[in-house]
Amino acid sequence: MEEEKKVSDESIVEEAKGETPEETTTEDGTEAKETKETKTKKKKKSAAALEIELKKSEEKAAEMTDKYQRLMAEFENARKRNAKEQSHMYDVGAKEVLAKLLPVVDNFERGLDALSEEEKEGAFAQGFIKIYQQMITVLEEIGVKPMDAVGKEFNPDFHNAVMHEENEEMGENLVSEEFQKGYMYKDGVLRHSMVKVVN
């Protein structure tokens, strides 16, 4: 009876302190008493551990997002570079083919210049003219345009001077005659104009 009284007295004292003992079973099967204070400490520790884990996870997510954005930027740059290279390769191939077609255009023009005005009215000559016009239209649609050199200042980027002459009527360093027509393809020179320049 006295022992029971002691136990109840102890529990009253602990309750007064605010530490109600709770019985828990440990791994080895023995019972241990856990107070509210130790529970609160454990909760605080677990909350702190969770905060640390959350911070680590956020850092890792930010790192992965950064890696993803860098990879996407690299991929976009590679795609643009490939498109540019393909366009360049197409232009190089097109220039080679178009340069081989220009002598055909020259021959058409020589043929037309050799015809008299009466011959140009004939059916054969009309067919010849229409084929030439069609060819010029197709070349223009592709981006090939003839240069207009006569009367303009000589520019070695566009003109190839094969002759010089003295001419007081024209200004110095001007193109007086064009022997072979030059052509541009898009923004580049496809063939230089062969010209005579005034000294």
N, C-alpha and C. Protein backbone atom coordinates (compact mmCIF):
# COMPACT_ATOMS: atom_id res chain seq x y z
N MET A 1 0.83 -1.20 0.00
CA MET A 1 0.00 0.00 0.00
C MET A 1 0.87 1.25 0.00
N GLU A 2 1.91 1.19 0.75
CA GLU A 2 2.81 2.33 0.81
C GLU A 2 3.52 2.51 -0.51
N GLU A 3 3.86 1.38 -1.16
CA GLU A 3 4.55 1.45 -2.46
C GLU A 3 3.66 2.09 -3.50
N GLU A 4 2.38 1.72 -3.53
CA GLU A 4 1.43 2.31 -4.47
C GLU A 4 1.33 3.82 -4.26
N LYS A 5 1.33 4.22 -3.02
CA LYS A 5 1.24 5.62 -2.68
C LYS A 5 2.45 6.39 -3.19
N LYS A 6 3.67 5.73 -3.07
CA LYS A 6 4.91 6.36 -3.54
C LYS A 6 4.86 6.59 -5.03
N VAL A 7 4.38 5.58 -5.79
CA VAL A 7 4.30 5.68 -7.26
C VAL A 7 3.36 6.80 -7.65
N SER A 8 2.18 6.85 -7.02
CA SER A 8 1.22 7.90 -7.36
C SER A 8 1.76 9.27 -6.98
N ASP A 9 2.52 9.35 -5.86
CA ASP A 9 3.12 10.61 -5.45
C ASP A 9 4.16 11.07 -6.48
N GLU A 10 4.95 10.11 -6.97
CA GLU A 10 5.98 10.44 -7.97
C GLU A 10 5.33 10.95 -9.26
N SER A 11 4.25 10.29 -9.68
CA SER A 11 3.57 10.70 -10.91
C SER A 11 2.96 12.09 -10.74
N ILE A 12 2.45 12.40 -9.56
CA ILE A 12 1.88 13.73 -9.30
C ILE A 12 2.97 14.78 -9.37
N VAL A 13 4.15 14.47 -8.81
CA VAL A 13 5.27 15.41 -8.82
C VAL A 13 5.71 15.66 -10.26
N GLU A 14 5.83 14.58 -11.07
CA GLU A 14 6.26 14.72 -12.47
C GLU A 14 5.23 15.48 -13.30
N GLU A 15 3.94 15.24 -13.03
CA GLU A 15 2.89 15.99 -13.73
C GLU A 15 2.98 17.46 -13.39
N ALA A 16 3.30 17.75 -12.16
CA ALA A 16 3.43 19.14 -11.72
C ALA A 16 4.58 19.82 -12.45
N LYS A 17 5.64 19.03 -12.70
CA LYS A 17 6.79 19.59 -13.45
C LYS A 17 6.47 19.74 -14.93
N GLY A 18 5.44 19.10 -15.38
CA GLY A 18 5.06 19.14 -16.81
C GLY A 18 5.71 18.03 -17.60
N GLU A 19 6.21 17.02 -16.93
CA GLU A 19 6.84 15.90 -17.62
C GLU A 19 6.09 14.64 -17.29
N THR A 20 5.11 14.31 -18.10
CA THR A 20 4.33 13.10 -17.89
C THR A 20 5.11 11.94 -18.47
N PRO A 21 5.45 10.97 -17.70
CA PRO A 21 6.24 9.86 -18.23
C PRO A 21 5.37 8.98 -19.11
N GLU A 22 5.97 8.51 -20.19
CA GLU A 22 5.28 7.56 -21.07
C GLU A 22 6.15 6.35 -21.19
N GLU A 23 5.52 5.21 -21.15
CA GLU A 23 6.28 3.98 -21.25
C GLU A 23 6.41 3.60 -22.72
N THR A 24 7.65 3.34 -23.12
CA THR A 24 7.89 2.88 -24.49
C THR A 24 8.78 1.66 -24.43
N THR A 25 8.68 0.87 -25.42
CA THR A 25 9.48 -0.35 -25.45
C THR A 25 10.69 -0.11 -26.34
N THR A 26 11.87 -0.43 -25.83
CA THR A 26 13.10 -0.24 -26.60
C THR A 26 13.35 -1.48 -27.44
N GLU A 27 14.45 -1.44 -28.24
CA GLU A 27 14.76 -2.55 -29.14
C GLU A 27 15.03 -3.84 -28.37
N ASP A 28 15.64 -3.71 -27.20
CA ASP A 28 15.96 -4.93 -26.43
C ASP A 28 14.79 -5.40 -25.59
N GLY A 29 13.62 -4.78 -25.76
CA GLY A 29 12.40 -5.24 -25.09
C GLY A 29 12.19 -4.62 -23.72
N THR A 30 13.12 -3.82 -23.26
CA THR A 30 12.94 -3.20 -21.94
C THR A 30 12.13 -1.93 -22.09
N GLU A 31 11.43 -1.61 -21.07
CA GLU A 31 10.60 -0.42 -21.11
C GLU A 31 11.40 0.80 -20.67
N ALA A 32 11.23 1.88 -21.42
CA ALA A 32 11.93 3.11 -21.06
C ALA A 32 10.89 4.21 -20.95
N LYS A 33 11.17 5.15 -20.11
CA LYS A 33 10.22 6.25 -19.93
C LYS A 33 10.71 7.45 -20.73
N GLU A 34 9.79 8.03 -21.52
CA GLU A 34 10.13 9.15 -22.39
C GLU A 34 9.29 10.35 -21.96
N THR A 35 9.92 11.45 -21.75
CA THR A 35 9.21 12.64 -21.31
C THR A 35 8.81 13.49 -22.50
N LYS A 36 7.92 14.43 -22.28
CA LYS A 36 7.49 15.35 -23.34
C LYS A 36 8.65 16.18 -23.85
N GLU A 37 9.55 16.51 -22.94
CA GLU A 37 10.71 17.33 -23.30
C GLU A 37 11.58 16.62 -24.33
N THR A 38 11.84 15.34 -24.09
CA THR A 38 12.68 14.58 -25.04
C THR A 38 11.95 14.40 -26.37
N LYS A 39 10.65 14.24 -26.31
CA LYS A 39 9.86 14.14 -27.55
C LYS A 39 9.95 15.42 -28.36
N THR A 40 9.83 16.56 -27.69
CA THR A 40 9.91 17.86 -28.36
C THR A 40 11.28 18.03 -29.00
N LYS A 41 12.35 17.62 -28.27
CA LYS A 41 13.69 17.70 -28.82
C LYS A 41 13.82 16.86 -30.09
N LYS A 42 13.24 15.64 -30.03
CA LYS A 42 13.29 14.76 -31.21
C LYS A 42 12.56 15.38 -32.39
N LYS A 43 11.38 15.98 -32.11
CA LYS A 43 10.61 16.63 -33.17
C LYS A 43 11.39 17.78 -33.78
N LYS A 44 12.07 18.56 -32.91
CA LYS A 44 12.87 19.68 -33.39
C LYS A 44 14.01 19.18 -34.27
N LYS A 45 14.65 18.09 -33.79
CA LYS A 45 15.74 17.52 -34.58
C LYS A 45 15.24 17.03 -35.93
N SER A 46 14.11 16.33 -35.95
CA SER A 46 13.59 15.81 -37.21
C SER A 46 13.15 16.95 -38.13
N ALA A 47 12.62 18.03 -37.58
CA ALA A 47 12.23 19.19 -38.39
C ALA A 47 13.47 19.84 -39.00
N ALA A 48 14.53 19.96 -38.21
CA ALA A 48 15.79 20.54 -38.71
C ALA A 48 16.38 19.66 -39.80
N ALA A 49 16.32 18.35 -39.59
CA ALA A 49 16.84 17.40 -40.59
C ALA A 49 16.04 17.50 -41.89
N LEU A 50 14.73 17.65 -41.75
CA LEU A 50 13.88 17.79 -42.94
C LEU A 50 14.18 19.09 -43.70
N GLU A 51 14.43 20.15 -42.94
CA GLU A 51 14.77 21.44 -43.57
C GLU A 51 16.07 21.32 -44.36
N ILE A 52 17.06 20.64 -43.77
CA ILE A 52 18.35 20.43 -44.46
C ILE A 52 18.15 19.62 -45.72
N GLU A 53 17.35 18.56 -45.62
CA GLU A 53 17.05 17.72 -46.79
C GLU A 53 16.34 18.53 -47.87
N LEU A 54 15.40 19.38 -47.44
CA LEU A 54 14.66 20.22 -48.39
C LEU A 54 15.61 21.17 -49.11
N LYS A 55 16.52 21.79 -48.36
CA LYS A 55 17.49 22.70 -48.97
C LYS A 55 18.36 21.97 -49.98
N LYS A 56 18.82 20.77 -49.61
CA LYS A 56 19.64 19.97 -50.52
C LYS A 56 18.88 19.62 -51.79
N SER A 57 17.62 19.24 -51.60
CA SER A 57 16.78 18.90 -52.76
C SER A 57 16.56 20.10 -53.66
N GLU A 58 16.33 21.27 -53.06
CA GLU A 58 16.14 22.49 -53.85
C GLU A 58 17.41 22.85 -54.62
N GLU A 59 18.58 22.69 -53.96
CA GLU A 59 19.86 22.97 -54.63
C GLU A 59 20.06 22.02 -55.81
N LYS A 60 19.74 20.74 -55.57
CA LYS A 60 19.90 19.74 -56.64
C LYS A 60 18.94 20.04 -57.79
N ALA A 61 17.71 20.43 -57.48
CA ALA A 61 16.72 20.78 -58.52
C ALA A 61 17.21 21.98 -59.32
N ALA A 62 17.76 22.99 -58.64
CA ALA A 62 18.27 24.18 -59.32
C ALA A 62 19.44 23.81 -60.22
N GLU A 63 20.32 22.92 -59.73
CA GLU A 63 21.47 22.46 -60.52
C GLU A 63 21.01 21.72 -61.78
N MET A 64 20.01 20.84 -61.61
CA MET A 64 19.48 20.07 -62.75
C MET A 64 18.80 21.00 -63.76
N THR A 65 18.07 21.99 -63.26
CA THR A 65 17.40 22.96 -64.15
C THR A 65 18.44 23.73 -64.95
N ASP A 66 19.53 24.14 -64.27
CA ASP A 66 20.60 24.86 -64.94
C ASP A 66 21.24 23.99 -66.03
N LYS A 67 21.51 22.72 -65.70
CA LYS A 67 22.09 21.78 -66.68
C LYS A 67 21.15 21.62 -67.88
N TYR A 68 19.87 21.48 -67.59
CA TYR A 68 18.87 21.31 -68.66
C TYR A 68 18.84 22.53 -69.58
N GLN A 69 18.85 23.72 -68.97
CA GLN A 69 18.81 24.96 -69.77
C GLN A 69 20.07 25.10 -70.63
N ARG A 70 21.23 24.72 -70.06
CA ARG A 70 22.48 24.77 -70.82
C ARG A 70 22.45 23.80 -71.99
N LEU A 71 21.95 22.59 -71.74
CA LEU A 71 21.85 21.59 -72.81
C LEU A 71 20.91 22.06 -73.92
N MET A 72 19.79 22.66 -73.52
CA MET A 72 18.84 23.16 -74.52
C MET A 72 19.47 24.29 -75.35
N ALA A 73 20.23 25.15 -74.70
CA ALA A 73 20.91 26.25 -75.42
C ALA A 73 21.94 25.68 -76.39
N GLU A 74 22.71 24.67 -75.93
CA GLU A 74 23.70 24.03 -76.81
C GLU A 74 23.02 23.37 -78.00
N PHE A 75 21.90 22.70 -77.73
CA PHE A 75 21.16 22.02 -78.81
C PHE A 75 20.66 23.04 -79.83
N GLU A 76 20.13 24.16 -79.34
CA GLU A 76 19.60 25.21 -80.23
C GLU A 76 20.73 25.81 -81.07
N ASN A 77 21.88 26.04 -80.43
CA ASN A 77 23.04 26.57 -81.17
C ASN A 77 23.51 25.60 -82.24
N ALA A 78 23.55 24.31 -81.90
CA ALA A 78 23.97 23.28 -82.86
C ALA A 78 22.98 23.21 -84.03
N ARG A 79 21.69 23.32 -83.72
CA ARG A 79 20.67 23.27 -84.77
C ARG A 79 20.83 24.46 -85.74
N LYS A 80 21.05 25.65 -85.17
CA LYS A 80 21.24 26.85 -86.01
C LYS A 80 22.51 26.73 -86.85
N ARG A 81 23.58 26.21 -86.21
CA ARG A 81 24.84 26.05 -86.93
C ARG A 81 24.68 25.07 -88.10
N ASN A 82 23.97 23.96 -87.86
CA ASN A 82 23.73 22.97 -88.92
C ASN A 82 22.91 23.57 -90.06
N ALA A 83 21.89 24.34 -89.71
CA ALA A 83 21.05 24.97 -90.74
C ALA A 83 21.88 25.94 -91.57
N LYS A 84 22.77 26.70 -90.91
CA LYS A 84 23.62 27.66 -91.60
C LYS A 84 24.59 26.93 -92.54
N GLU A 85 25.18 25.83 -92.04
CA GLU A 85 26.12 25.06 -92.85
C GLU A 85 25.42 24.44 -94.06
N GLN A 86 24.21 23.93 -93.85
CA GLN A 86 23.45 23.34 -94.95
C GLN A 86 23.14 24.39 -96.01
N SER A 87 22.74 25.58 -95.56
CA SER A 87 22.45 26.68 -96.48
C SER A 87 23.70 27.06 -97.25
N HIS A 88 24.84 27.12 -96.55
CA HIS A 88 26.10 27.47 -97.20
C HIS A 88 26.48 26.41 -98.25
N MET A 89 26.34 25.13 -97.88
CA MET A 89 26.67 24.04 -98.80
C MET A 89 25.76 24.09 -100.03
N TYR A 90 24.49 24.40 -99.81
CA TYR A 90 23.55 24.53 -100.93
C TYR A 90 23.99 25.65 -101.86
N ASP A 91 24.37 26.79 -101.27
CA ASP A 91 24.80 27.94 -102.08
C ASP A 91 26.06 27.63 -102.88
N VAL A 92 27.00 26.90 -102.25
CA VAL A 92 28.24 26.52 -102.95
C VAL A 92 27.91 25.63 -104.14
N GLY A 93 27.05 24.62 -103.92
CA GLY A 93 26.65 23.71 -105.00
C GLY A 93 25.89 24.44 -106.09
N ALA A 94 24.99 25.34 -105.68
CA ALA A 94 24.19 26.10 -106.65
C ALA A 94 25.08 27.00 -107.49
N LYS A 95 26.09 27.62 -106.86
CA LYS A 95 27.00 28.51 -107.60
C LYS A 95 27.73 27.75 -108.70
N GLU A 96 28.18 26.53 -108.37
CA GLU A 96 28.91 25.73 -109.36
C GLU A 96 28.03 25.42 -110.56
N VAL A 97 26.80 25.01 -110.30
CA VAL A 97 25.87 24.67 -111.39
C VAL A 97 25.52 25.91 -112.21
N LEU A 98 25.20 27.00 -111.52
CA LEU A 98 24.81 28.24 -112.21
C LEU A 98 25.96 28.81 -113.04
N ALA A 99 27.19 28.71 -112.53
CA ALA A 99 28.35 29.21 -113.28
C ALA A 99 28.51 28.44 -114.59
N LYS A 100 28.14 27.15 -114.59
CA LYS A 100 28.22 26.34 -115.82
C LYS A 100 27.10 26.67 -116.80
N LEU A 101 26.00 27.24 -116.28
CA LEU A 101 24.88 27.62 -117.17
C LEU A 101 25.10 28.98 -117.84
N LEU A 102 25.94 29.82 -117.26
CA LEU A 102 26.13 31.17 -117.80
C LEU A 102 26.67 31.19 -119.24
N PRO A 103 27.59 30.30 -119.63
CA PRO A 103 28.01 30.29 -121.05
C PRO A 103 26.85 29.97 -122.00
N VAL A 104 25.88 29.19 -121.54
CA VAL A 104 24.69 28.90 -122.37
C VAL A 104 23.89 30.18 -122.58
N VAL A 105 23.74 30.97 -121.52
CA VAL A 105 23.04 32.26 -121.60
C VAL A 105 23.79 33.19 -122.56
N ASP A 106 25.15 33.19 -122.45
CA ASP A 106 25.97 34.02 -123.35
C ASP A 106 25.72 33.63 -124.81
N ASN A 107 25.65 32.33 -125.07
CA ASN A 107 25.43 31.86 -126.45
C ASN A 107 24.05 32.25 -126.96
N PHE A 108 23.05 32.21 -126.09
CA PHE A 108 21.71 32.68 -126.47
C PHE A 108 21.78 34.15 -126.89
N GLU A 109 22.48 34.96 -126.09
CA GLU A 109 22.57 36.39 -126.37
C GLU A 109 23.35 36.67 -127.67
N ARG A 110 24.42 35.91 -127.90
CA ARG A 110 25.19 36.06 -129.14
C ARG A 110 24.31 35.70 -130.35
N GLY A 111 23.54 34.62 -130.18
CA GLY A 111 22.63 34.19 -131.25
C GLY A 111 21.59 35.26 -131.56
N LEU A 112 21.04 35.86 -130.51
CA LEU A 112 20.03 36.92 -130.70
C LEU A 112 20.65 38.16 -131.34
N ASP A 113 21.88 38.50 -130.96
CA ASP A 113 22.55 39.67 -131.54
C ASP A 113 22.86 39.45 -133.04
N ALA A 114 23.06 38.20 -133.43
CA ALA A 114 23.39 37.89 -134.83
C ALA A 114 22.17 37.97 -135.75
N LEU A 115 20.98 37.92 -135.18
CA LEU A 115 19.75 37.97 -135.99
C LEU A 115 19.43 39.41 -136.40
N SER A 116 18.97 39.56 -137.61
CA SER A 116 18.51 40.89 -138.06
C SER A 116 17.10 41.11 -137.54
N GLU A 117 16.60 42.34 -137.65
CA GLU A 117 15.26 42.67 -137.17
C GLU A 117 14.20 41.85 -137.91
N GLU A 118 14.39 41.61 -139.22
CA GLU A 118 13.43 40.82 -140.01
C GLU A 118 13.43 39.36 -139.57
N GLU A 119 14.64 38.84 -139.29
CA GLU A 119 14.76 37.42 -138.87
C GLU A 119 14.11 37.21 -137.50
N LYS A 120 14.16 38.24 -136.66
CA LYS A 120 13.57 38.12 -135.31
C LYS A 120 12.05 37.95 -135.37
N GLU A 121 11.42 38.32 -136.48
CA GLU A 121 9.97 38.19 -136.63
C GLU A 121 9.56 36.77 -136.99
N GLY A 122 10.50 35.94 -137.43
CA GLY A 122 10.19 34.57 -137.85
C GLY A 122 9.83 33.69 -136.66
N ALA A 123 9.12 32.58 -136.96
CA ALA A 123 8.64 31.65 -135.93
C ALA A 123 9.80 31.02 -135.17
N PHE A 124 10.85 30.62 -135.91
CA PHE A 124 12.00 29.98 -135.27
C PHE A 124 12.67 30.95 -134.28
N ALA A 125 12.89 32.18 -134.72
CA ALA A 125 13.53 33.20 -133.88
C ALA A 125 12.67 33.52 -132.67
N GLN A 126 11.35 33.56 -132.85
CA GLN A 126 10.42 33.84 -131.74
C GLN A 126 10.51 32.73 -130.68
N GLY A 127 10.58 31.51 -131.13
CA GLY A 127 10.75 30.38 -130.19
C GLY A 127 12.07 30.50 -129.44
N PHE A 128 13.12 30.85 -130.15
CA PHE A 128 14.46 31.04 -129.59
C PHE A 128 14.42 32.13 -128.50
N ILE A 129 13.75 33.24 -128.81
CA ILE A 129 13.63 34.38 -127.88
C ILE A 129 12.85 33.97 -126.62
N LYS A 130 11.78 33.22 -126.82
CA LYS A 130 10.95 32.81 -125.67
C LYS A 130 11.72 31.87 -124.74
N ILE A 131 12.52 30.96 -125.32
CA ILE A 131 13.34 30.06 -124.49
C ILE A 131 14.36 30.88 -123.69
N TYR A 132 14.99 31.85 -124.34
CA TYR A 132 15.97 32.71 -123.67
C TYR A 132 15.30 33.48 -122.52
N GLN A 133 14.13 34.06 -122.79
CA GLN A 133 13.41 34.83 -121.75
C GLN A 133 13.02 33.93 -120.57
N GLN A 134 12.60 32.71 -120.89
CA GLN A 134 12.22 31.77 -119.82
C GLN A 134 13.44 31.45 -118.95
N MET A 135 14.57 31.24 -119.61
CA MET A 135 15.80 30.92 -118.87
C MET A 135 16.20 32.08 -117.95
N ILE A 136 16.13 33.30 -118.45
CA ILE A 136 16.48 34.49 -117.65
C ILE A 136 15.52 34.62 -116.46
N THR A 137 14.22 34.36 -116.68
CA THR A 137 13.21 34.43 -115.60
C THR A 137 13.52 33.41 -114.51
N VAL A 138 13.86 32.19 -114.91
CA VAL A 138 14.18 31.13 -113.94
C VAL A 138 15.41 31.52 -113.14
N LEU A 139 16.44 32.02 -113.80
CA LEU A 139 17.66 32.44 -113.10
C LEU A 139 17.37 33.56 -112.11
N GLU A 140 16.53 34.51 -112.48
CA GLU A 140 16.17 35.61 -111.57
C GLU A 140 15.40 35.10 -110.35
N GLU A 141 14.53 34.12 -110.57
CA GLU A 141 13.77 33.53 -109.45
C GLU A 141 14.70 32.82 -108.46
N ILE A 142 15.77 32.22 -109.00
CA ILE A 142 16.74 31.54 -108.15
C ILE A 142 17.58 32.55 -107.36
N GLY A 143 17.76 33.75 -107.93
CA GLY A 143 18.57 34.77 -107.26
C GLY A 143 19.73 35.26 -108.09
N VAL A 144 19.77 34.88 -109.38
CA VAL A 144 20.85 35.30 -110.28
C VAL A 144 20.42 36.56 -111.02
N LYS A 145 21.24 37.61 -110.92
CA LYS A 145 20.91 38.87 -111.59
C LYS A 145 22.14 39.39 -112.34
N PRO A 146 21.95 39.93 -113.55
CA PRO A 146 23.10 40.48 -114.28
C PRO A 146 23.55 41.80 -113.68
N MET A 147 24.86 42.05 -113.78
CA MET A 147 25.41 43.34 -113.31
C MET A 147 25.31 44.35 -114.44
N ASP A 148 25.12 45.58 -114.07
CA ASP A 148 25.11 46.66 -115.06
C ASP A 148 26.40 47.44 -114.84
N ALA A 149 27.40 47.22 -115.73
CA ALA A 149 28.73 47.76 -115.49
C ALA A 149 29.03 49.04 -116.25
N VAL A 150 28.52 49.18 -117.47
CA VAL A 150 28.89 50.32 -118.34
C VAL A 150 28.49 51.65 -117.70
N GLY A 151 29.48 52.58 -117.66
CA GLY A 151 29.22 53.92 -117.10
C GLY A 151 29.43 53.99 -115.61
N LYS A 152 29.68 52.86 -114.96
CA LYS A 152 29.88 52.86 -113.51
C LYS A 152 31.37 52.84 -113.18
N GLU A 153 31.69 53.23 -111.97
CA GLU A 153 33.09 53.25 -111.53
C GLU A 153 33.62 51.82 -111.43
N PHE A 154 34.86 51.66 -111.88
CA PHE A 154 35.48 50.34 -111.84
C PHE A 154 35.64 49.88 -110.39
N ASN A 155 35.20 48.65 -110.13
CA ASN A 155 35.31 48.05 -108.80
C ASN A 155 35.88 46.64 -108.97
N PRO A 156 37.10 46.39 -108.48
CA PRO A 156 37.71 45.07 -108.66
C PRO A 156 36.92 43.93 -108.02
N ASP A 157 36.02 44.26 -107.08
CA ASP A 157 35.19 43.21 -106.47
C ASP A 157 34.15 42.68 -107.44
N PHE A 158 33.76 43.51 -108.42
CA PHE A 158 32.73 43.12 -109.38
C PHE A 158 33.23 43.03 -110.82
N HIS A 159 34.28 43.78 -111.14
CA HIS A 159 34.74 43.88 -112.53
C HIS A 159 36.13 43.29 -112.72
N ASN A 160 36.35 42.76 -113.91
CA ASN A 160 37.66 42.25 -114.30
C ASN A 160 38.13 43.08 -115.49
N ALA A 161 39.10 43.98 -115.28
CA ALA A 161 39.56 44.89 -116.34
C ALA A 161 40.53 44.14 -117.26
N VAL A 162 40.15 44.03 -118.55
CA VAL A 162 41.02 43.36 -119.52
C VAL A 162 41.63 44.36 -120.49
N MET A 163 41.08 45.57 -120.54
CA MET A 163 41.61 46.62 -121.41
C MET A 163 41.47 47.99 -120.74
N HIS A 164 42.36 48.91 -121.16
CA HIS A 164 42.30 50.30 -120.70
C HIS A 164 42.27 51.20 -121.93
N GLU A 165 41.67 52.36 -121.79
CA GLU A 165 41.65 53.32 -122.90
C GLU A 165 41.66 54.75 -122.38
N GLU A 166 42.08 55.63 -123.24
CA GLU A 166 42.04 57.06 -122.92
C GLU A 166 40.76 57.61 -123.53
N ASN A 167 39.95 58.27 -122.74
CA ASN A 167 38.69 58.82 -123.24
C ASN A 167 38.39 60.09 -122.44
N GLU A 168 38.50 61.23 -123.12
CA GLU A 168 38.31 62.51 -122.44
C GLU A 168 36.83 62.80 -122.17
N GLU A 169 35.95 62.16 -122.91
CA GLU A 169 34.51 62.38 -122.72
C GLU A 169 34.00 61.72 -121.44
N MET A 170 34.63 60.62 -121.04
CA MET A 170 34.21 59.90 -119.82
C MET A 170 35.16 60.23 -118.67
N GLY A 171 34.66 60.12 -117.50
CA GLY A 171 35.49 60.36 -116.31
C GLY A 171 36.51 59.26 -116.11
N GLU A 172 37.47 59.55 -115.24
CA GLU A 172 38.54 58.59 -114.99
C GLU A 172 38.03 57.42 -114.15
N ASN A 173 38.58 56.24 -114.43
CA ASN A 173 38.29 55.00 -113.68
C ASN A 173 36.84 54.53 -113.86
N LEU A 174 36.25 54.86 -115.01
CA LEU A 174 34.88 54.40 -115.31
C LEU A 174 34.92 53.29 -116.35
N VAL A 175 33.93 52.42 -116.31
CA VAL A 175 33.83 51.31 -117.28
C VAL A 175 33.21 51.86 -118.56
N SER A 176 33.95 51.73 -119.67
CA SER A 176 33.46 52.26 -120.95
C SER A 176 32.79 51.18 -121.80
N GLU A 177 33.19 49.93 -121.60
CA GLU A 177 32.63 48.85 -122.42
C GLU A 177 32.64 47.54 -121.63
N GLU A 178 31.64 46.69 -121.92
CA GLU A 178 31.54 45.39 -121.25
C GLU A 178 31.68 44.29 -122.31
N PHE A 179 32.68 43.45 -122.14
CA PHE A 179 32.91 42.37 -123.11
C PHE A 179 32.13 41.10 -122.73
N GLN A 180 32.04 40.86 -121.45
CA GLN A 180 31.28 39.70 -120.96
C GLN A 180 30.49 40.13 -119.73
N LYS A 181 29.20 39.84 -119.76
CA LYS A 181 28.31 40.27 -118.68
C LYS A 181 28.63 39.52 -117.39
N GLY A 182 28.65 40.28 -116.30
CA GLY A 182 28.85 39.68 -114.98
C GLY A 182 27.51 39.40 -114.31
N TYR A 183 27.52 38.44 -113.39
CA TYR A 183 26.28 38.06 -112.70
C TYR A 183 26.50 37.97 -111.19
N MET A 184 25.46 38.32 -110.46
CA MET A 184 25.45 38.18 -109.00
C MET A 184 24.54 37.02 -108.64
N TYR A 185 24.92 36.25 -107.61
CA TYR A 185 24.03 35.23 -107.05
C TYR A 185 23.76 35.61 -105.61
N LYS A 186 22.52 35.99 -105.32
CA LYS A 186 22.13 36.52 -104.01
C LYS A 186 23.02 37.73 -103.70
N ASP A 187 23.88 37.64 -102.67
CA ASP A 187 24.72 38.79 -102.31
C ASP A 187 26.16 38.65 -102.80
N GLY A 188 26.48 37.54 -103.46
CA GLY A 188 27.86 37.29 -103.89
C GLY A 188 28.00 37.36 -105.41
N VAL A 189 29.26 37.49 -105.83
CA VAL A 189 29.55 37.53 -107.28
C VAL A 189 29.59 36.11 -107.81
N LEU A 190 28.80 35.87 -108.85
CA LEU A 190 28.81 34.56 -109.52
C LEU A 190 29.85 34.57 -110.63
N ARG A 191 29.89 35.67 -111.38
CA ARG A 191 30.92 35.85 -112.41
C ARG A 191 31.22 37.33 -112.55
N HIS A 192 32.51 37.68 -112.58
CA HIS A 192 32.92 39.08 -112.73
C HIS A 192 32.65 39.56 -114.15
N SER A 193 32.33 40.83 -114.28
CA SER A 193 32.16 41.44 -115.60
C SER A 193 33.54 41.66 -116.22
N MET A 194 33.68 41.30 -117.51
CA MET A 194 34.92 41.54 -118.24
C MET A 194 34.78 42.89 -118.94
N VAL A 195 35.58 43.87 -118.54
CA VAL A 195 35.32 45.24 -118.97
C VAL A 195 36.56 45.98 -119.48
N LYS A 196 36.29 47.10 -120.16
CA LYS A 196 37.32 48.06 -120.57
C LYS A 196 37.15 49.28 -119.67
N VAL A 197 38.30 49.77 -119.14
CA VAL A 197 38.26 50.87 -118.18
C VAL A 197 38.97 52.09 -118.73
N VAL A 198 38.41 53.27 -118.45
CA VAL A 198 39.02 54.54 -118.88
C VAL A 198 40.08 54.93 -117.88
N ASN A 199 41.29 55.29 -118.40
CA ASN A 199 42.39 55.74 -117.53
C ASN A 199 42.19 57.20 -117.13
